[in-house]
Amino acid sequence: TTAVLYNHGIKDADLWGIAAGFAAGIIKELIDDKPDPADAYATM
């Protein structure tokens, strides 16, 4: 995410990349049958 946004000239691409990873980790655990906060933290 960071590389693509940076190449398109998006300001603060690194923060958007971190946000995308955080969102993916949280969403994945919300839809999991057995959510595990440690998995979300590892993704973050």
PDB file of all heavy atoms in Angstrom:
ATOM      1  N   THR A   1       0.832  -1.203   0.000  1.00  0.00           N
ATOM      2  CA  THR A   1       0.000   0.000   0.000  1.00  0.00           C
ATOM      3  C   THR A   1       0.863   1.248   0.000  1.00  0.00           C
ATOM      4  O   THR A   1       0.620   2.189  -0.771  1.00  0.00           O
ATOM      5  CB  THR A   1      -0.935   0.009   1.223  1.00  0.00           C
ATOM      6  OG1 THR A   1      -1.739  -1.167   1.203  1.00  0.00           O
ATOM      7  CG2 THR A   1      -1.819   1.237   1.237  1.00  0.00           C
ATOM      8  N   THR A   2       1.876   1.279   0.841  1.00  0.00           N
ATOM      9  CA  THR A   2       2.747   2.442   0.923  1.00  0.00           C
ATOM     10  C   THR A   2       3.468   2.684  -0.390  1.00  0.00           C
ATOM     11  O   THR A   2       3.540   3.820  -0.876  1.00  0.00           O
ATOM     12  CB  THR A   2       3.770   2.275   2.063  1.00  0.00           C
ATOM     13  OG1 THR A   2       3.061   2.081   3.289  1.00  0.00           O
ATOM     14  CG2 THR A   2       4.659   3.486   2.194  1.00  0.00           C
ATOM     15  N   ALA A   3       3.995   1.641  -0.993  1.00  0.00           N
ATOM     16  CA  ALA A   3       4.735   1.793  -2.249  1.00  0.00           C
ATOM     17  C   ALA A   3       3.839   2.313  -3.363  1.00  0.00           C
ATOM     18  O   ALA A   3       4.221   3.225  -4.104  1.00  0.00           O
ATOM     19  CB  ALA A   3       5.359   0.460  -2.651  1.00  0.00           C
ATOM     20  N   VAL A   4       2.638   1.760  -3.484  1.00  0.00           N
ATOM     21  CA  VAL A   4       1.724   2.199  -4.543  1.00  0.00           C
ATOM     22  C   VAL A   4       1.309   3.653  -4.328  1.00  0.00           C
ATOM     23  O   VAL A   4       1.331   4.464  -5.264  1.00  0.00           O
ATOM     24  CB  VAL A   4       0.483   1.273  -4.602  1.00  0.00           C
ATOM     25  CG1 VAL A   4      -0.603   1.868  -5.484  1.00  0.00           C
ATOM     26  CG2 VAL A   4       0.879  -0.100  -5.104  1.00  0.00           C
ATOM     27  N   LEU A   5       0.940   3.994  -3.105  1.00  0.00           N
ATOM     28  CA  LEU A   5       0.508   5.369  -2.831  1.00  0.00           C
ATOM     29  C   LEU A   5       1.652   6.358  -3.003  1.00  0.00           C
ATOM     30  O   LEU A   5       1.453   7.463  -3.522  1.00  0.00           O
ATOM     31  CB  LEU A   5      -0.086   5.472  -1.427  1.00  0.00           C
ATOM     32  CG  LEU A   5      -1.398   4.720  -1.208  1.00  0.00           C
ATOM     33  CD1 LEU A   5      -1.843   4.862   0.243  1.00  0.00           C
ATOM     34  CD2 LEU A   5      -2.472   5.195  -2.159  1.00  0.00           C
ATOM     35  N   TYR A   6       2.847   5.978  -2.580  1.00  0.00           N
ATOM     36  CA  TYR A   6       4.010   6.852  -2.736  1.00  0.00           C
ATOM     37  C   TYR A   6       4.290   7.111  -4.213  1.00  0.00           C
ATOM     38  O   TYR A   6       4.571   8.244  -4.612  1.00  0.00           O
ATOM     39  CB  TYR A   6       5.233   6.228  -2.066  1.00  0.00           C
ATOM     40  CG  TYR A   6       6.468   7.089  -2.177  1.00  0.00           C
ATOM     41  CD1 TYR A   6       6.683   8.127  -1.280  1.00  0.00           C
ATOM     42  CD2 TYR A   6       7.405   6.876  -3.177  1.00  0.00           C
ATOM     43  CE1 TYR A   6       7.811   8.924  -1.368  1.00  0.00           C
ATOM     44  CE2 TYR A   6       8.529   7.669  -3.281  1.00  0.00           C
ATOM     45  CZ  TYR A   6       8.728   8.690  -2.381  1.00  0.00           C
ATOM     46  OH  TYR A   6       9.844   9.479  -2.481  1.00  0.00           O
ATOM     47  N   ASN A   7       4.186   6.077  -5.028  1.00  0.00           N
ATOM     48  CA  ASN A   7       4.429   6.228  -6.462  1.00  0.00           C
ATOM     49  C   ASN A   7       3.371   7.078  -7.150  1.00  0.00           C
ATOM     50  O   ASN A   7       3.617   7.612  -8.223  1.00  0.00           O
ATOM     51  CB  ASN A   7       4.538   4.859  -7.141  1.00  0.00           C
ATOM     52  CG  ASN A   7       5.825   4.164  -6.792  1.00  0.00           C
ATOM     53  OD1 ASN A   7       6.837   4.796  -6.492  1.00  0.00           O
ATOM     54  ND2 ASN A   7       5.805   2.853  -6.798  1.00  0.00           N
ATOM     55  N   HIS A   8       2.197   7.197  -6.535  1.00  0.00           N
ATOM     56  CA  HIS A   8       1.145   8.054  -7.081  1.00  0.00           C
ATOM     57  C   HIS A   8       1.178   9.458  -6.467  1.00  0.00           C
ATOM     58  O   HIS A   8       0.280  10.258  -6.705  1.00  0.00           O
ATOM     59  CB  HIS A   8      -0.229   7.421  -6.868  1.00  0.00           C
ATOM     60  CG  HIS A   8      -0.517   6.324  -7.839  1.00  0.00           C
ATOM     61  ND1 HIS A   8      -0.101   5.019  -7.626  1.00  0.00           N
ATOM     62  CD2 HIS A   8      -1.147   6.333  -9.033  1.00  0.00           C
ATOM     63  CE1 HIS A   8      -0.480   4.283  -8.642  1.00  0.00           C
ATOM     64  NE2 HIS A   8      -1.119   5.053  -9.520  1.00  0.00           N
ATOM     65  N   GLY A   9       2.182   9.721  -5.669  1.00  0.00           N
ATOM     66  CA  GLY A   9       2.362  11.054  -5.096  1.00  0.00           C
ATOM     67  C   GLY A   9       1.429  11.388  -3.945  1.00  0.00           C
ATOM     68  O   GLY A   9       1.201  12.560  -3.648  1.00  0.00           O
ATOM     69  N   ILE A  10       0.893  10.380  -3.283  1.00  0.00           N
ATOM     70  CA  ILE A  10      -0.019  10.602  -2.162  1.00  0.00           C
ATOM     71  C   ILE A  10       0.785  11.030  -0.938  1.00  0.00           C
ATOM     72  O   ILE A  10       1.781  10.403  -0.582  1.00  0.00           O
ATOM     73  CB  ILE A  10      -0.833   9.329  -1.838  1.00  0.00           C
ATOM     74  CG1 ILE A  10      -1.601   8.849  -3.065  1.00  0.00           C
ATOM     75  CG2 ILE A  10      -1.758   9.549  -0.652  1.00  0.00           C
ATOM     76  CD1 ILE A  10      -2.634   9.789  -3.579  1.00  0.00           C
ATOM     77  N   LYS A  11       0.330  12.111  -0.307  1.00  0.00           N
ATOM     78  CA  LYS A  11       0.992  12.608   0.900  1.00  0.00           C
ATOM     79  C   LYS A  11       0.776  11.612   2.048  1.00  0.00           C
ATOM     80  O   LYS A  11      -0.288  11.035   2.184  1.00  0.00           O
ATOM     81  CB  LYS A  11       0.412  13.967   1.279  1.00  0.00           C
ATOM     82  CG  LYS A  11       1.084  14.614   2.451  1.00  0.00           C
ATOM     83  CD  LYS A  11       0.492  15.968   2.738  1.00  0.00           C
ATOM     84  CE  LYS A  11       1.192  16.557   3.955  1.00  0.00           C
ATOM     85  NZ  LYS A  11       0.612  17.836   4.327  1.00  0.00           N
ATOM     86  N   ASP A  12       1.792  11.426   2.857  1.00  0.00           N
ATOM     87  CA  ASP A  12       1.757  10.529   4.014  1.00  0.00           C
ATOM     88  C   ASP A  12       1.413   9.094   3.624  1.00  0.00           C
ATOM     89  O   ASP A  12       0.634   8.409   4.292  1.00  0.00           O
ATOM     90  CB  ASP A  12       0.769  11.026   5.073  1.00  0.00           C
ATOM     91  CG  ASP A  12       1.166  12.367   5.659  1.00  0.00           C
ATOM     92  OD1 ASP A  12       2.382  12.621   5.761  1.00  0.00           O
ATOM     93  OD2 ASP A  12       0.272  13.151   6.008  1.00  0.00           O
ATOM     94  N   ALA A  13       2.024   8.613   2.553  1.00  0.00           N
ATOM     95  CA  ALA A  13       1.764   7.252   2.070  1.00  0.00           C
ATOM     96  C   ALA A  13       2.107   6.212   3.123  1.00  0.00           C
ATOM     97  O   ALA A  13       1.420   5.187   3.235  1.00  0.00           O
ATOM     98  CB  ALA A  13       2.556   6.996   0.793  1.00  0.00           C
ATOM     99  N   ASP A  14       3.139   6.468   3.912  1.00  0.00           N
ATOM    100  CA  ASP A  14       3.521   5.500   4.939  1.00  0.00           C
ATOM    101  C   ASP A  14       2.442   5.353   6.011  1.00  0.00           C
ATOM    102  O   ASP A  14       2.159   4.254   6.470  1.00  0.00           O
ATOM    103  CB  ASP A  14       4.871   5.840   5.558  1.00  0.00           C
ATOM    104  CG  ASP A  14       4.978   7.286   6.003  1.00  0.00           C
ATOM    105  OD1 ASP A  14       4.165   8.113   5.569  1.00  0.00           O
ATOM    106  OD2 ASP A  14       5.889   7.595   6.789  1.00  0.00           O
ATOM    107  N   LEU A  15       1.807   6.459   6.374  1.00  0.00           N
ATOM    108  CA  LEU A  15       0.731   6.373   7.366  1.00  0.00           C
ATOM    109  C   LEU A  15      -0.488   5.644   6.809  1.00  0.00           C
ATOM    110  O   LEU A  15      -1.143   4.883   7.532  1.00  0.00           O
ATOM    111  CB  LEU A  15       0.337   7.777   7.829  1.00  0.00           C
ATOM    112  CG  LEU A  15       1.431   8.551   8.568  1.00  0.00           C
ATOM    113  CD1 LEU A  15       0.941   9.940   8.944  1.00  0.00           C
ATOM    114  CD2 LEU A  15       1.883   7.794   9.795  1.00  0.00           C
ATOM    115  N   TRP A  16      -0.790   5.857   5.539  1.00  0.00           N
ATOM    116  CA  TRP A  16      -1.881   5.133   4.900  1.00  0.00           C
ATOM    117  C   TRP A  16      -1.559   3.641   4.824  1.00  0.00           C
ATOM    118  O   TRP A  16      -2.456   2.803   4.974  1.00  0.00           O
ATOM    119  CB  TRP A  16      -2.174   5.696   3.512  1.00  0.00           C
ATOM    120  CG  TRP A  16      -2.906   6.988   3.553  1.00  0.00           C
ATOM    121  CD1 TRP A  16      -2.407   8.230   3.269  1.00  0.00           C
ATOM    122  CD2 TRP A  16      -4.270   7.194   3.921  1.00  0.00           C
ATOM    123  NE1 TRP A  16      -3.383   9.175   3.438  1.00  0.00           N
ATOM    124  CE2 TRP A  16      -4.537   8.571   3.836  1.00  0.00           C
ATOM    125  CE3 TRP A  16      -5.293   6.329   4.317  1.00  0.00           C
ATOM    126  CZ2 TRP A  16      -5.781   9.108   4.126  1.00  0.00           C
ATOM    127  CZ3 TRP A  16      -6.542   6.873   4.604  1.00  0.00           C
ATOM    128  CH2 TRP A  16      -6.777   8.240   4.507  1.00  0.00           C
ATOM    129  N   GLY A  17      -0.306   3.302   4.593  1.00  0.00           N
ATOM    130  CA  GLY A  17       0.095   1.902   4.567  1.00  0.00           C
ATOM    131  C   GLY A  17      -0.089   1.234   5.914  1.00  0.00           C
ATOM    132  O   GLY A  17      -0.585   0.103   6.004  1.00  0.00           O
ATOM    133  N   ILE A  18       0.309   1.932   6.960  1.00  0.00           N
ATOM    134  CA  ILE A  18       0.123   1.403   8.309  1.00  0.00           C
ATOM    135  C   ILE A  18      -1.364   1.250   8.606  1.00  0.00           C
ATOM    136  O   ILE A  18      -1.806   0.232   9.146  1.00  0.00           O
ATOM    137  CB  ILE A  18       0.811   2.306   9.353  1.00  0.00           C
ATOM    138  CG1 ILE A  18       2.337   2.233   9.178  1.00  0.00           C
ATOM    139  CG2 ILE A  18       0.409   1.913  10.764  1.00  0.00           C
ATOM    140  CD1 ILE A  18       3.101   3.258   9.984  1.00  0.00           C
ATOM    141  N   ALA A  19      -2.158   2.240   8.221  1.00  0.00           N
ATOM    142  CA  ALA A  19      -3.610   2.179   8.448  1.00  0.00           C
ATOM    143  C   ALA A  19      -4.238   0.996   7.711  1.00  0.00           C
ATOM    144  O   ALA A  19      -5.132   0.327   8.247  1.00  0.00           O
ATOM    145  CB  ALA A  19      -4.261   3.485   8.018  1.00  0.00           C
ATOM    146  N   ALA A  20      -3.773   0.732   6.498  1.00  0.00           N
ATOM    147  CA  ALA A  20      -4.308  -0.396   5.732  1.00  0.00           C
ATOM    148  C   ALA A  20      -4.003  -1.714   6.429  1.00  0.00           C
ATOM    149  O   ALA A  20      -4.862  -2.607   6.515  1.00  0.00           O
ATOM    150  CB  ALA A  20      -3.723  -0.400   4.320  1.00  0.00           C
ATOM    151  N   GLY A  21      -2.801  -1.854   6.959  1.00  0.00           N
ATOM    152  CA  GLY A  21      -2.443  -3.063   7.689  1.00  0.00           C
ATOM    153  C   GLY A  21      -3.242  -3.221   8.969  1.00  0.00           C
ATOM    154  O   GLY A  21      -3.695  -4.322   9.294  1.00  0.00           O
ATOM    155  N   PHE A  22      -3.420  -2.117   9.697  1.00  0.00           N
ATOM    156  CA  PHE A  22      -4.216  -2.155  10.921  1.00  0.00           C
ATOM    157  C   PHE A  22      -5.645  -2.575  10.593  1.00  0.00           C
ATOM    158  O   PHE A  22      -6.225  -3.429  11.266  1.00  0.00           O
ATOM    159  CB  PHE A  22      -4.235  -0.787  11.597  1.00  0.00           C
ATOM    160  CG  PHE A  22      -3.075  -0.517  12.515  1.00  0.00           C
ATOM    161  CD1 PHE A  22      -1.781  -0.867  12.165  1.00  0.00           C
ATOM    162  CD2 PHE A  22      -3.268   0.112  13.717  1.00  0.00           C
ATOM    163  CE1 PHE A  22      -0.713  -0.602  13.008  1.00  0.00           C
ATOM    164  CE2 PHE A  22      -2.218   0.378  14.566  1.00  0.00           C
ATOM    165  CZ  PHE A  22      -0.938   0.018  14.216  1.00  0.00           C
ATOM    166  N   ALA A  23      -6.218  -1.957   9.568  1.00  0.00           N
ATOM    167  CA  ALA A  23      -7.603  -2.256   9.187  1.00  0.00           C
ATOM    168  C   ALA A  23      -7.749  -3.726   8.790  1.00  0.00           C
ATOM    169  O   ALA A  23      -8.715  -4.387   9.191  1.00  0.00           O
ATOM    170  CB  ALA A  23      -8.041  -1.340   8.048  1.00  0.00           C
ATOM    171  N   ALA A  24      -6.804  -4.231   8.021  1.00  0.00           N
ATOM    172  CA  ALA A  24      -6.867  -5.626   7.598  1.00  0.00           C
ATOM    173  C   ALA A  24      -6.825  -6.572   8.803  1.00  0.00           C
ATOM    174  O   ALA A  24      -7.582  -7.546   8.864  1.00  0.00           O
ATOM    175  CB  ALA A  24      -5.723  -5.942   6.641  1.00  0.00           C
ATOM    176  N   GLY A  25      -5.950  -6.276   9.751  1.00  0.00           N
ATOM    177  CA  GLY A  25      -5.837  -7.118  10.946  1.00  0.00           C
ATOM    178  C   GLY A  25      -7.092  -7.100  11.792  1.00  0.00           C
ATOM    179  O   GLY A  25      -7.557  -8.149  12.270  1.00  0.00           O
ATOM    180  N   ILE A  26      -7.673  -5.920  11.963  1.00  0.00           N
ATOM    181  CA  ILE A  26      -8.882  -5.799  12.779  1.00  0.00           C
ATOM    182  C   ILE A  26     -10.070  -6.457  12.086  1.00  0.00           C
ATOM    183  O   ILE A  26     -10.823  -7.221  12.704  1.00  0.00           O
ATOM    184  CB  ILE A  26      -9.162  -4.320  13.097  1.00  0.00           C
ATOM    185  CG1 ILE A  26      -8.071  -3.787  14.042  1.00  0.00           C
ATOM    186  CG2 ILE A  26     -10.539  -4.143  13.715  1.00  0.00           C
ATOM    187  CD1 ILE A  26      -8.073  -2.290  14.216  1.00  0.00           C
ATOM    188  N   ILE A  27     -10.247  -6.175  10.797  1.00  0.00           N
ATOM    189  CA  ILE A  27     -11.374  -6.754  10.061  1.00  0.00           C
ATOM    190  C   ILE A  27     -11.282  -8.275  10.021  1.00  0.00           C
ATOM    191  O   ILE A  27     -12.276  -8.976  10.208  1.00  0.00           O
ATOM    192  CB  ILE A  27     -11.454  -6.161   8.637  1.00  0.00           C
ATOM    193  CG1 ILE A  27     -11.862  -4.694   8.717  1.00  0.00           C
ATOM    194  CG2 ILE A  27     -12.411  -6.953   7.767  1.00  0.00           C
ATOM    195  CD1 ILE A  27     -11.721  -3.934   7.419  1.00  0.00           C
ATOM    196  N   LYS A  28     -10.081  -8.779   9.815  1.00  0.00           N
ATOM    197  CA  LYS A  28      -9.897 -10.232   9.765  1.00  0.00           C
ATOM    198  C   LYS A  28     -10.313 -10.878  11.083  1.00  0.00           C
ATOM    199  O   LYS A  28     -10.972 -11.913  11.101  1.00  0.00           O
ATOM    200  CB  LYS A  28      -8.438 -10.562   9.440  1.00  0.00           C
ATOM    201  CG  LYS A  28      -8.205 -12.006   9.054  1.00  0.00           C
ATOM    202  CD  LYS A  28      -7.771 -12.784  10.260  1.00  0.00           C
ATOM    203  CE  LYS A  28      -7.461 -14.232   9.885  1.00  0.00           C
ATOM    204  NZ  LYS A  28      -7.685 -15.125  11.001  1.00  0.00           N
ATOM    205  N   GLU A  29      -9.942 -10.271  12.187  1.00  0.00           N
ATOM    206  CA  GLU A  29     -10.296 -10.841  13.485  1.00  0.00           C
ATOM    207  C   GLU A  29     -11.783 -10.675  13.791  1.00  0.00           C
ATOM    208  O   GLU A  29     -12.369 -11.506  14.478  1.00  0.00           O
ATOM    209  CB  GLU A  29      -9.443 -10.235  14.594  1.00  0.00           C
ATOM    210  CG  GLU A  29      -7.990 -10.626  14.517  1.00  0.00           C
ATOM    211  CD  GLU A  29      -7.764 -12.130  14.420  1.00  0.00           C
ATOM    212  OE1 GLU A  29      -8.390 -12.900  15.172  1.00  0.00           O
ATOM    213  OE2 GLU A  29      -6.950 -12.537  13.575  1.00  0.00           O
ATOM    214  N   LEU A  30     -12.408  -9.629  13.276  1.00  0.00           N
ATOM    215  CA  LEU A  30     -13.842  -9.443  13.510  1.00  0.00           C
ATOM    216  C   LEU A  30     -14.680 -10.492  12.780  1.00  0.00           C
ATOM    217  O   LEU A  30     -15.751 -10.876  13.265  1.00  0.00           O
ATOM    218  CB  LEU A  30     -14.276  -8.037  13.067  1.00  0.00           C
ATOM    219  CG  LEU A  30     -13.806  -6.885  13.950  1.00  0.00           C
ATOM    220  CD1 LEU A  30     -14.196  -5.553  13.337  1.00  0.00           C
ATOM    221  CD2 LEU A  30     -14.377  -7.011  15.360  1.00  0.00           C
ATOM    222  N   ILE A  31     -14.202 -10.953  11.626  1.00  0.00           N
ATOM    223  CA  ILE A  31     -14.972 -11.942  10.872  1.00  0.00           C
ATOM    224  C   ILE A  31     -14.540 -13.383  11.164  1.00  0.00           C
ATOM    225  O   ILE A  31     -15.156 -14.313  10.667  1.00  0.00           O
ATOM    226  CB  ILE A  31     -14.907 -11.670   9.354  1.00  0.00           C
ATOM    227  CG1 ILE A  31     -13.480 -11.772   8.823  1.00  0.00           C
ATOM    228  CG2 ILE A  31     -15.505 -10.331   9.018  1.00  0.00           C
ATOM    229  CD1 ILE A  31     -13.371 -11.689   7.323  1.00  0.00           C
ATOM    230  N   ASP A  32     -13.513 -13.548  11.980  1.00  0.00           N
ATOM    231  CA  ASP A  32     -13.021 -14.880  12.343  1.00  0.00           C
ATOM    232  C   ASP A  32     -14.018 -15.600  13.249  1.00  0.00           C
ATOM    233  O   ASP A  32     -14.717 -14.977  14.046  1.00  0.00           O
ATOM    234  CB  ASP A  32     -11.694 -14.758  13.093  1.00  0.00           C
ATOM    235  CG  ASP A  32     -10.564 -15.475  12.399  1.00  0.00           C
ATOM    236  OD1 ASP A  32     -10.805 -16.114  11.373  1.00  0.00           O
ATOM    237  OD2 ASP A  32      -9.428 -15.373  12.892  1.00  0.00           O
ATOM    238  N   ASP A  33     -14.038 -16.941  13.154  1.00  0.00           N
ATOM    239  CA  ASP A  33     -14.867 -17.731  14.061  1.00  0.00           C
ATOM    240  C   ASP A  33     -14.323 -17.678  15.488  1.00  0.00           C
ATOM    241  O   ASP A  33     -15.086 -17.659  16.447  1.00  0.00           O
ATOM    242  CB  ASP A  33     -14.916 -19.197  13.602  1.00  0.00           C
ATOM    243  CG  ASP A  33     -15.701 -19.360  12.314  1.00  0.00           C
ATOM    244  OD1 ASP A  33     -16.569 -18.514  12.028  1.00  0.00           O
ATOM    245  OD2 ASP A  33     -15.439 -20.347  11.594  1.00  0.00           O
ATOM    246  N   LYS A  34     -12.994 -17.666  15.606  1.00  0.00           N
ATOM    247  CA  LYS A  34     -12.344 -17.585  16.916  1.00  0.00           C
ATOM    248  C   LYS A  34     -11.391 -16.396  16.906  1.00  0.00           C
ATOM    249  O   LYS A  34     -10.194 -16.545  16.651  1.00  0.00           O
ATOM    250  CB  LYS A  34     -11.568 -18.869  17.205  1.00  0.00           C
ATOM    251  CG  LYS A  34     -12.423 -20.096  17.303  1.00  0.00           C
ATOM    252  CD  LYS A  34     -11.579 -21.325  17.562  1.00  0.00           C
ATOM    253  CE  LYS A  34     -12.446 -22.565  17.554  1.00  0.00           C
ATOM    254  NZ  LYS A  34     -11.648 -23.776  17.725  1.00  0.00           N
ATOM    255  N   PRO A  35     -11.898 -15.187  17.201  1.00  0.00           N
ATOM    256  CA  PRO A  35     -11.018 -14.010  17.184  1.00  0.00           C
ATOM    257  C   PRO A  35      -9.919 -14.107  18.245  1.00  0.00           C
ATOM    258  O   PRO A  35     -10.156 -14.584  19.354  1.00  0.00           O
ATOM    259  CB  PRO A  35     -11.946 -12.839  17.485  1.00  0.00           C
ATOM    260  CG  PRO A  35     -13.305 -13.392  17.630  1.00  0.00           C
ATOM    261  CD  PRO A  35     -13.256 -14.869  17.530  1.00  0.00           C
ATOM    262  N   ASP A  36      -8.743 -13.671  17.880  1.00  0.00           N
ATOM    263  CA  ASP A  36      -7.599 -13.689  18.792  1.00  0.00           C
ATOM    264  C   ASP A  36      -6.908 -12.328  18.723  1.00  0.00           C
ATOM    265  O   ASP A  36      -6.335 -11.971  17.693  1.00  0.00           O
ATOM    266  CB  ASP A  36      -6.627 -14.794  18.385  1.00  0.00           C
ATOM    267  CG  ASP A  36      -5.472 -14.954  19.350  1.00  0.00           C
ATOM    268  OD1 ASP A  36      -5.423 -14.223  20.363  1.00  0.00           O
ATOM    269  OD2 ASP A  36      -4.604 -15.806  19.090  1.00  0.00           O
ATOM    270  N   PRO A  37      -6.973 -11.554  19.808  1.00  0.00           N
ATOM    271  CA  PRO A  37      -6.334 -10.232  19.791  1.00  0.00           C
ATOM    272  C   PRO A  37      -4.840 -10.287  19.482  1.00  0.00           C
ATOM    273  O   PRO A  37      -4.296  -9.380  18.870  1.00  0.00           O
ATOM    274  CB  PRO A  37      -6.572  -9.694  21.212  1.00  0.00           C
ATOM    275  CG  PRO A  37      -7.736 -10.466  21.733  1.00  0.00           C
ATOM    276  CD  PRO A  37      -7.679 -11.807  21.063  1.00  0.00           C
ATOM    277  N   ALA A  38      -4.178 -11.373  19.873  1.00  0.00           N
ATOM    278  CA  ALA A  38      -2.743 -11.494  19.592  1.00  0.00           C
ATOM    279  C   ALA A  38      -2.480 -11.517  18.091  1.00  0.00           C
ATOM    280  O   ALA A  38      -1.469 -10.987  17.622  1.00  0.00           O
ATOM    281  CB  ALA A  38      -2.177 -12.744  20.257  1.00  0.00           C
ATOM    282  N   ASP A  39      -3.385 -12.115  17.320  1.00  0.00           N
ATOM    283  CA  ASP A  39      -3.238 -12.121  15.867  1.00  0.00           C
ATOM    284  C   ASP A  39      -3.354 -10.706  15.311  1.00  0.00           C
ATOM    285  O   ASP A  39      -2.584 -10.306  14.431  1.00  0.00           O
ATOM    286  CB  ASP A  39      -4.302 -13.011  15.220  1.00  0.00           C
ATOM    287  CG  ASP A  39      -4.072 -14.490  15.463  1.00  0.00           C
ATOM    288  OD1 ASP A  39      -2.958 -14.856  15.901  1.00  0.00           O
ATOM    289  OD2 ASP A  39      -5.004 -15.269  15.208  1.00  0.00           O
ATOM    290  N   ALA A  40      -4.305  -9.939  15.810  1.00  0.00           N
ATOM    291  CA  ALA A  40      -4.472  -8.552  15.358  1.00  0.00           C
ATOM    292  C   ALA A  40      -3.232  -7.734  15.699  1.00  0.00           C
ATOM    293  O   ALA A  40      -2.759  -6.938  14.876  1.00  0.00           O
ATOM    294  CB  ALA A  40      -5.719  -7.929  15.983  1.00  0.00           C
ATOM    295  N   TYR A  41      -2.690  -7.923  16.895  1.00  0.00           N
ATOM    296  CA  TYR A  41      -1.484  -7.195  17.295  1.00  0.00           C
ATOM    297  C   TYR A  41      -0.296  -7.563  16.405  1.00  0.00           C
ATOM    298  O   TYR A  41       0.498  -6.700  16.028  1.00  0.00           O
ATOM    299  CB  TYR A  41      -1.139  -7.451  18.760  1.00  0.00           C
ATOM    300  CG  TYR A  41      -2.184  -6.968  19.735  1.00  0.00           C
ATOM    301  CD1 TYR A  41      -2.516  -7.712  20.848  1.00  0.00           C
ATOM    302  CD2 TYR A  41      -2.858  -5.767  19.540  1.00  0.00           C
ATOM    303  CE1 TYR A  41      -3.481  -7.284  21.742  1.00  0.00           C
ATOM    304  CE2 TYR A  41      -3.819  -5.325  20.427  1.00  0.00           C
ATOM    305  CZ  TYR A  41      -4.129  -6.090  21.522  1.00  0.00           C
ATOM    306  OH  TYR A  41      -5.081  -5.661  22.401  1.00  0.00           O
ATOM    307  N   ALA A  42      -0.174  -8.839  16.076  1.00  0.00           N
ATOM    308  CA  ALA A  42       0.931  -9.271  15.214  1.00  0.00           C
ATOM    309  C   ALA A  42       0.815  -8.625  13.833  1.00  0.00           C
ATOM    310  O   ALA A  42       1.814  -8.204  13.244  1.00  0.00           O
ATOM    311  CB  ALA A  42       0.949 -10.786  15.095  1.00  0.00           C
ATOM    312  N   THR A  43      -0.412  -8.546  13.308  1.00  0.00           N
ATOM    313  CA  THR A  43      -0.624  -7.897  12.015  1.00  0.00           C
ATOM    314  C   THR A  43      -0.246  -6.424  12.094  1.00  0.00           C
ATOM    315  O   THR A  43       0.361  -5.873  11.171  1.00  0.00           O
ATOM    316  CB  THR A  43      -2.088  -8.051  11.564  1.00  0.00           C
ATOM    317  OG1 THR A  43      -2.449  -9.431  11.607  1.00  0.00           O
ATOM    318  CG2 THR A  43      -2.280  -7.522  10.154  1.00  0.00           C
ATOM    319  N   MET A  44      -0.580  -5.784  13.196  1.00  0.00           N
ATOM    320  CA  MET A  44      -0.254  -4.368  13.373  1.00  0.00           C
ATOM    321  C   MET A  44       1.256  -4.145  13.464  1.00  0.00           C
ATOM    322  O   MET A  44       1.777  -3.196  12.880  1.00  0.00           O
ATOM    323  CB  MET A  44      -0.947  -3.824  14.626  1.00  0.00           C
ATOM    324  CG  MET A  44      -2.434  -3.746  14.504  1.00  0.00           C
ATOM    325  SD  MET A  44      -3.168  -3.191  16.057  1.00  0.00           S
ATOM    326  CE  MET A  44      -4.891  -3.426  15.697  1.00  0.00           C
TER     327      MET A  44
END
